[in-house]
């Protein structure tokens, strides 16, 4: 089976080639992202392998199908960048639903601790022989209320870490799990009571701009926002205004709603044209990393492992494919074809 891998970085190639020794698929790696402009490069390939910021819209899908591609293998958990409704019945889409929830949860806490205790600023100061403490004041996490939005695997890992710091936990999830023993509250209550809010939910039509100008008015003044999920959960323009007014006391972000054209690349010798991103970077109470929460050896190895298990099932025409996703699955939930042991289409 021939597989064309888009948006390839050196670390992607290293881990995918290592795992491919167990399968011997024919791989070709491209640095360019998958988009309508590059989709035609997949002519003659059975599968394309894509990542979080590839543009897999209706046009991209049509071009892939016209060129004989049978499946899209996402090497990530999220798939909000795929037009699933348009893909249904035309091309199969698989993903890596879980790799290392610990990697993302640990990074979320690292961001929170760094922002709160000003570790990044202190490091720069002491390297310059400045040992003053002015401007480095933080607060105890112990006893504070952490509001967790989304109680899937990553959210639960982050909850365990927060409990280790002695934080009180309240949670919101569109589908609460009573077996977890958590204190679930509605979203407005969580916004009003939390000292720290950490987002661990997928990006959907319902969660898009979950934190917007209106909902931010209900936040506890001075709250710290942590986001390691998807950038568009937060309305960036509203976040900027809330940071300026002090309604939000700080933001620790690993994602950004317009990150696709910026993240994972080196722009240090150029002027970034995204005014909102540059405005965020100007705040001394904002810390931003470039979608690196997943980036551990353990996670990369697991992503490669599951990606090739998906490719193997595609090659062997196994139905249903364990990690396939489709519009019908999203729309009908437990009544979807795959959960009844049938092919998605």
Protein backbone atom coordinates (compact mmCIF):
# COMPACT_ATOMS: atom_id res chain seq x y z
CA UNK A 1 0.00 0.00 0.00
CA UNK A 2 1.27 3.46 -0.92
CA UNK A 3 0.93 6.18 1.69
CA UNK A 4 1.62 9.90 1.17
CA UNK A 5 2.41 11.70 4.42
CA UNK A 6 1.66 15.43 4.47
CA UNK A 7 2.93 18.14 6.84
CA UNK A 8 5.98 16.09 7.76
CA UNK A 9 8.53 17.26 10.30
CA UNK A 10 11.81 15.41 11.02
CA UNK A 11 10.38 13.86 14.18
CA UNK A 12 7.30 12.60 12.28
CA UNK A 13 9.49 10.88 9.75
CA UNK A 14 11.74 9.34 12.40
CA UNK A 15 8.91 7.71 14.34
CA UNK A 16 6.83 6.71 11.31
CA UNK A 17 9.79 5.12 9.52
CA UNK A 18 10.75 3.28 12.69
CA UNK A 19 7.23 1.84 13.05
CA UNK A 20 7.02 1.03 9.34
CA UNK A 21 9.80 -1.54 9.74
CA UNK A 22 7.05 -3.79 11.09
CA UNK A 23 4.84 -3.27 8.01
CA UNK A 24 6.91 -2.21 5.00
CA UNK A 25 4.32 0.09 3.45
CA UNK A 26 5.55 2.41 0.70
CA UNK A 27 5.81 5.82 2.35
CA UNK A 28 6.55 9.19 0.82
CA UNK A 29 6.95 12.27 3.01
CA UNK A 30 6.03 15.84 2.07
CA UNK A 31 6.69 18.97 4.11
CA UNK A 32 3.69 20.77 2.59
CA UNK A 33 0.28 20.66 4.24
CA UNK A 34 -2.65 18.85 2.69
CA UNK A 35 -4.97 21.38 1.06
CA UNK A 36 -6.86 21.90 -2.21
CA UNK A 37 -3.59 23.12 -3.73
CA UNK A 38 -1.60 20.01 -2.79
CA UNK A 39 -4.22 17.26 -2.83
CA UNK A 40 -3.47 16.37 -6.47
CA UNK A 41 0.00 15.24 -5.37
CA UNK A 42 -1.75 12.17 -3.93
CA UNK A 43 -2.45 10.78 -7.40
CA UNK A 44 -1.44 7.11 -7.38
CA UNK A 45 -1.50 6.76 -3.58
CA UNK A 46 -3.93 4.60 -1.63
CA UNK A 47 -3.91 6.65 1.58
CA UNK A 48 -2.90 10.13 2.67
CA UNK A 49 -1.69 10.74 6.22
CA UNK A 50 -2.55 14.18 7.63
CA UNK A 51 -2.21 16.28 10.76
CA UNK A 52 -4.13 18.87 12.82
CA UNK A 53 -3.66 21.95 10.64
CA UNK A 54 -4.13 20.40 7.20
CA UNK A 55 -7.08 21.87 5.28
CA UNK A 56 -9.26 18.85 4.49
CA UNK A 57 -12.32 20.66 3.22
CA UNK A 58 -14.82 19.52 0.60
CA UNK A 59 -12.59 20.57 -2.29
CA UNK A 60 -9.60 18.70 -0.88
CA UNK A 61 -11.70 15.58 -0.38
CA UNK A 62 -13.08 15.69 -3.93
CA UNK A 63 -9.58 15.98 -5.39
CA UNK A 64 -8.33 13.07 -3.29
CA UNK A 65 -11.26 10.90 -4.39
CA UNK A 66 -10.77 11.87 -8.04
CA UNK A 67 -7.14 10.77 -7.72
CA UNK A 68 -8.03 7.35 -6.33
CA UNK A 69 -7.25 7.88 -2.66
CA UNK A 70 -9.29 5.49 -0.50
CA UNK A 71 -8.64 6.82 3.00
CA UNK A 72 -7.35 9.71 5.10
CA UNK A 73 -5.29 8.65 8.11
CA UNK A 74 -5.20 11.42 10.70
CA UNK A 75 -2.19 11.05 12.98
CA UNK A 76 -3.95 12.92 15.77
CA UNK A 77 -7.12 12.68 17.86
CA UNK A 78 -8.90 15.80 16.61
CA UNK A 79 -10.58 15.99 13.22
CA UNK A 80 -12.34 19.36 13.24
CA UNK A 81 -10.28 20.28 10.15
CA UNK A 82 -11.98 17.53 8.13
CA UNK A 83 -15.33 18.10 6.42
CA UNK A 84 -16.80 14.87 7.77
CA UNK A 85 -20.22 15.37 6.21
CA UNK A 86 -18.71 15.74 2.75
CA UNK A 87 -16.35 12.80 3.28
CA UNK A 88 -19.16 10.40 4.19
CA UNK A 89 -19.68 7.81 1.47
CA UNK A 90 -16.66 9.03 -0.50
CA UNK A 91 -13.51 8.41 1.53
CA UNK A 92 -12.75 6.69 4.82
CA UNK A 93 -11.26 8.73 7.67
CA UNK A 94 -9.35 7.18 10.57
CA UNK A 95 -7.65 8.82 13.52
CA UNK A 96 -5.55 8.16 16.63
CA UNK A 97 -8.18 8.58 19.36
CA UNK A 98 -5.71 8.29 22.21
CA UNK A 99 -1.95 8.28 22.49
CA UNK A 100 -0.78 9.83 25.76
CA UNK A 101 -3.31 11.81 27.77
CA UNK A 102 -0.55 12.27 30.33
CA UNK A 103 1.56 14.25 27.85
CA UNK A 104 -1.16 16.84 27.28
CA UNK A 105 -2.30 17.01 30.91
CA UNK A 106 1.25 17.41 32.19
CA UNK A 107 1.91 20.19 29.69
CA UNK A 108 -1.27 21.97 30.78
CA UNK A 109 -0.04 21.95 34.38
CA UNK A 110 3.44 23.03 33.27
CA UNK A 111 1.87 26.03 31.52
CA UNK A 112 -0.22 26.89 34.57
CA UNK A 113 2.73 26.68 36.96
CA UNK A 114 5.00 28.64 34.64
CA UNK A 115 2.47 31.42 34.17
CA UNK A 116 1.45 31.60 37.83
CA UNK A 117 4.94 31.57 39.33
CA UNK A 118 6.50 33.56 36.45
CA UNK A 119 9.14 30.87 35.86
CA UNK A 120 9.80 32.06 32.30
CA UNK A 121 10.44 35.63 33.47
CA UNK A 122 12.54 34.53 36.44
CA UNK A 123 14.72 32.38 34.19
CA UNK A 124 15.48 35.29 31.89
CA UNK A 125 16.17 37.60 34.84
CA UNK A 126 18.61 35.35 36.64
CA UNK A 127 20.47 34.63 33.41
CA UNK A 128 21.02 38.39 33.34
CA UNK A 129 22.15 38.40 37.00
CA UNK A 130 18.92 40.06 38.10
CA UNK A 131 17.71 38.37 41.30
CA UNK A 132 14.94 40.81 42.24
CA UNK A 133 11.52 39.37 43.03
CA UNK A 134 9.40 42.35 42.00
CA UNK A 135 6.79 41.31 39.45
CA UNK A 136 7.11 37.58 40.13
CA UNK A 137 4.28 37.23 42.66
CA UNK A 138 2.01 34.21 42.20
CA UNK A 139 -0.68 32.43 44.21
CA UNK A 140 -1.04 29.04 45.93
CA UNK A 141 -2.84 26.45 43.84
CA UNK A 142 -3.71 24.61 47.04
CA UNK A 143 -7.29 25.34 48.04
CA UNK A 144 -8.18 27.04 44.77
CA UNK A 145 -11.03 25.84 42.54
CA UNK A 146 -10.12 24.26 39.21
CA UNK A 147 -12.92 24.17 36.65
CA UNK A 148 -12.34 21.38 34.15
CA UNK A 149 -14.24 21.58 30.86
CA UNK A 150 -14.29 18.09 29.37
CA UNK A 151 -13.75 14.95 31.42
CA UNK A 152 -12.37 12.57 28.83
CA UNK A 153 -9.01 10.90 29.32
CA UNK A 154 -6.95 14.10 29.19
CA UNK A 155 -9.36 15.99 31.42
CA UNK A 156 -9.29 13.19 33.99
CA UNK A 157 -5.48 13.11 33.95
CA UNK A 158 -5.41 16.86 34.57
CA UNK A 159 -7.93 16.46 37.40
CA UNK A 160 -5.65 13.92 39.08
CA UNK A 161 -2.73 16.35 38.84
CA UNK A 162 -4.83 19.18 40.27
CA UNK A 163 -5.92 16.98 43.16
CA UNK A 164 -2.26 16.38 43.91
CA UNK A 165 -1.90 20.12 44.44
CA UNK A 166 -4.86 20.12 46.81
CA UNK A 167 -7.21 21.95 44.47
CA UNK A 168 -11.00 21.70 44.62
CA UNK A 169 -12.40 20.25 41.39
CA UNK A 170 -15.62 21.15 39.61
CA UNK A 171 -16.34 19.92 36.09
CA UNK A 172 -18.53 20.51 33.09
CA UNK A 173 -19.12 18.01 30.30
CA UNK A 174 -21.91 17.79 27.75
CA UNK A 175 -22.00 14.08 28.60
CA UNK A 176 -21.14 13.80 32.31
CA UNK A 177 -19.88 10.47 33.62
CA UNK A 178 -21.49 9.73 37.01
CA UNK A 179 -19.01 6.89 37.65
CA UNK A 180 -16.13 9.36 38.02
CA UNK A 181 -17.35 10.75 41.33
CA UNK A 182 -16.83 14.33 40.17
CA UNK A 183 -18.84 17.39 41.08
CA UNK A 184 -20.45 18.27 37.76
CA UNK A 185 -21.94 21.76 37.39
CA UNK A 186 -23.41 23.72 34.50
CA UNK A 187 -21.03 25.83 32.45
CA UNK A 188 -22.16 29.16 33.89
CA UNK A 189 -21.55 27.92 37.45
CA UNK A 190 -18.11 26.69 36.48
CA UNK A 191 -17.24 30.05 34.91
CA UNK A 192 -18.38 31.95 38.00
CA UNK A 193 -16.69 29.79 40.64
CA UNK A 194 -13.36 28.72 39.13
CA UNK A 195 -9.99 30.28 39.93
CA UNK A 196 -8.45 28.24 37.10
CA UNK A 197 -10.31 26.96 34.04
CA UNK A 198 -8.71 24.31 31.87
CA UNK A 199 -10.25 23.30 28.53
CA UNK A 200 -10.10 19.63 27.54
CA UNK A 201 -12.95 19.24 25.05
CA UNK A 202 -13.10 18.80 21.27
CA UNK A 203 -13.92 21.61 18.89
CA UNK A 204 -17.47 21.20 17.58
CA UNK A 205 -20.29 23.51 16.50
CA UNK A 206 -21.47 23.52 20.12
CA UNK A 207 -18.07 24.31 21.65
CA UNK A 208 -16.86 26.84 19.05
CA UNK A 209 -16.16 30.12 20.93
CA UNK A 210 -17.31 28.53 24.16
CA UNK A 211 -15.45 31.37 25.83
CA UNK A 212 -16.67 34.49 24.05
CA UNK A 213 -17.35 38.12 24.91
CA UNK A 214 -20.67 37.27 26.57
CA UNK A 215 -19.57 34.20 28.54
CA UNK A 216 -16.40 35.95 29.73
CA UNK A 217 -18.58 38.45 31.59
CA UNK A 218 -19.59 35.55 33.86
CA UNK A 219 -16.01 34.62 34.76
CA UNK A 220 -14.68 35.04 38.26
CA UNK A 221 -12.53 38.17 38.02
CA UNK A 222 -8.84 37.34 37.71
CA UNK A 223 -9.35 33.73 36.59
CA UNK A 224 -6.51 31.95 34.77
CA UNK A 225 -7.47 30.20 31.52
CA UNK A 226 -5.55 27.14 30.29
CA UNK A 227 -6.20 25.78 26.79
CA UNK A 228 -4.41 22.74 25.38
CA UNK A 229 -7.33 21.55 23.22
CA UNK A 230 -8.29 23.68 20.20
CA UNK A 231 -7.78 27.40 19.68
CA UNK A 232 -11.28 28.21 18.49
CA UNK A 233 -12.78 27.22 21.83
CA UNK A 234 -11.82 30.79 22.76
CA UNK A 235 -12.75 33.95 20.86
CA UNK A 236 -9.35 35.61 20.64
CA UNK A 237 -10.61 39.19 20.29
CA UNK A 238 -12.74 38.76 23.42
CA UNK A 239 -9.80 37.19 25.27
CA UNK A 240 -7.64 40.22 24.46
CA UNK A 241 -10.27 42.60 25.82
CA UNK A 242 -10.76 40.50 28.97
CA UNK A 243 -7.00 40.46 29.57
CA UNK A 244 -6.85 44.24 29.13
CA UNK A 245 -9.68 44.81 31.60
CA UNK A 246 -8.36 42.33 34.17
CA UNK A 247 -11.45 40.14 33.93
CA UNK A 248 -9.05 37.36 32.99
CA UNK A 249 -5.89 37.35 35.11
CA UNK A 250 -3.81 35.24 32.75
CA UNK A 251 -3.92 32.85 29.83
CA UNK A 252 -1.76 29.76 29.33
CA UNK A 253 -2.26 28.62 25.74
CA UNK A 254 -0.88 25.80 23.65
CA UNK A 255 -3.33 26.45 20.81
CA UNK A 256 -4.60 29.45 18.89
CA UNK A 257 -7.63 29.73 16.62
CA UNK A 258 -5.62 30.93 13.60
CA UNK A 259 -2.57 28.78 14.25
CA UNK A 260 -2.61 26.82 10.98
CA UNK A 261 -0.43 29.27 9.06
CA UNK A 262 1.98 29.97 11.92
CA UNK A 263 2.52 27.05 14.29
CA UNK A 264 5.17 24.36 13.71
CA UNK A 265 7.29 26.77 11.63
CA UNK A 266 10.20 29.13 12.35
CA UNK A 267 9.16 32.77 11.82
CA UNK A 268 11.98 34.32 13.83
CA UNK A 269 13.44 36.15 10.83
CA UNK A 270 10.12 37.43 9.49
CA UNK A 271 7.35 39.77 10.55
CA UNK A 272 4.25 37.82 11.55
CA UNK A 273 1.19 39.36 9.92
CA UNK A 274 -1.35 38.09 12.45
CA UNK A 275 -2.14 41.16 14.58
CA UNK A 276 -4.19 39.27 17.17
CA UNK A 277 -1.44 36.73 17.76
CA UNK A 278 1.15 39.47 18.16
CA UNK A 279 -1.16 41.30 20.57
CA UNK A 280 -1.47 38.17 22.70
CA UNK A 281 2.30 37.77 22.77
CA UNK A 282 2.65 41.33 24.06
CA UNK A 283 0.88 40.55 27.36
CA UNK A 284 3.10 39.73 30.31
CA UNK A 285 0.33 37.54 31.73
CA UNK A 286 0.07 35.31 28.67
CA UNK A 287 2.25 32.32 27.92
CA UNK A 288 1.95 30.64 24.54
CA UNK A 289 3.48 27.43 23.24
CA UNK A 290 3.06 26.17 19.69
CA UNK A 291 0.76 23.16 20.00
CA UNK A 292 3.44 21.08 21.70
CA UNK A 293 1.41 19.53 24.52
CA UNK A 294 1.38 16.16 22.73
CA UNK A 295 5.11 16.30 22.01
CA UNK A 296 6.74 13.54 24.05
CA UNK A 297 8.67 10.46 22.95
CA UNK A 298 5.94 8.26 24.41
CA UNK A 299 3.18 10.08 22.53
CA UNK A 300 5.00 10.11 19.18
CA UNK A 301 5.68 6.37 19.46
CA UNK A 302 2.03 5.68 20.26
CA UNK A 303 0.78 7.91 17.43
CA UNK A 304 2.99 6.00 14.97
CA UNK A 305 1.86 2.65 16.38
CA UNK A 306 -1.87 3.38 16.11
CA UNK A 307 -1.49 5.07 12.72
CA UNK A 308 0.04 1.91 11.28
CA UNK A 309 -2.55 -0.32 12.92
CA UNK A 310 -5.14 1.85 11.14
CA UNK A 311 -3.25 1.53 7.86
CA UNK A 312 -3.06 -2.25 8.30
CA UNK A 313 -6.84 -2.50 8.74
CA UNK A 314 -7.34 -0.35 5.64
CA UNK A 315 -4.92 -2.52 3.63
CA UNK A 316 -6.63 -5.73 4.77
CA UNK A 317 -10.08 -4.26 4.09
CA UNK A 318 -11.23 -4.99 7.65
CA UNK A 319 -14.73 -3.80 8.47
CA UNK A 320 -15.53 -2.03 10.60
CA UNK A 321 -12.19 -0.26 11.03
CA UNK A 322 -11.72 0.25 14.77
CA UNK A 323 -10.65 3.90 14.63
CA UNK A 324 -12.74 5.05 11.69
CA UNK A 325 -14.82 8.20 12.14
CA UNK A 326 -17.61 9.39 9.92
CA UNK A 327 -20.48 11.81 9.71
CA UNK A 328 -23.00 9.09 10.51
CA UNK A 329 -21.08 8.19 13.69
CA UNK A 330 -21.17 11.84 14.76
CA UNK A 331 -24.83 12.32 13.88
CA UNK A 332 -26.33 9.11 15.21
CA UNK A 333 -23.95 8.27 18.05
CA UNK A 334 -24.62 4.82 19.50
CA UNK A 335 -26.87 3.99 16.55
CA UNK A 336 -24.14 4.51 13.95
CA UNK A 337 -23.22 1.66 11.63
CA UNK A 338 -19.75 1.03 13.04
CA UNK A 339 -21.00 0.57 16.61
CA UNK A 340 -23.37 -2.07 15.25
CA UNK A 341 -20.44 -3.95 13.75
CA UNK A 342 -21.11 -2.70 10.22
CA UNK A 343 -18.91 -0.67 7.84
CA UNK A 344 -19.43 3.10 7.99
CA UNK A 345 -20.36 2.87 4.31
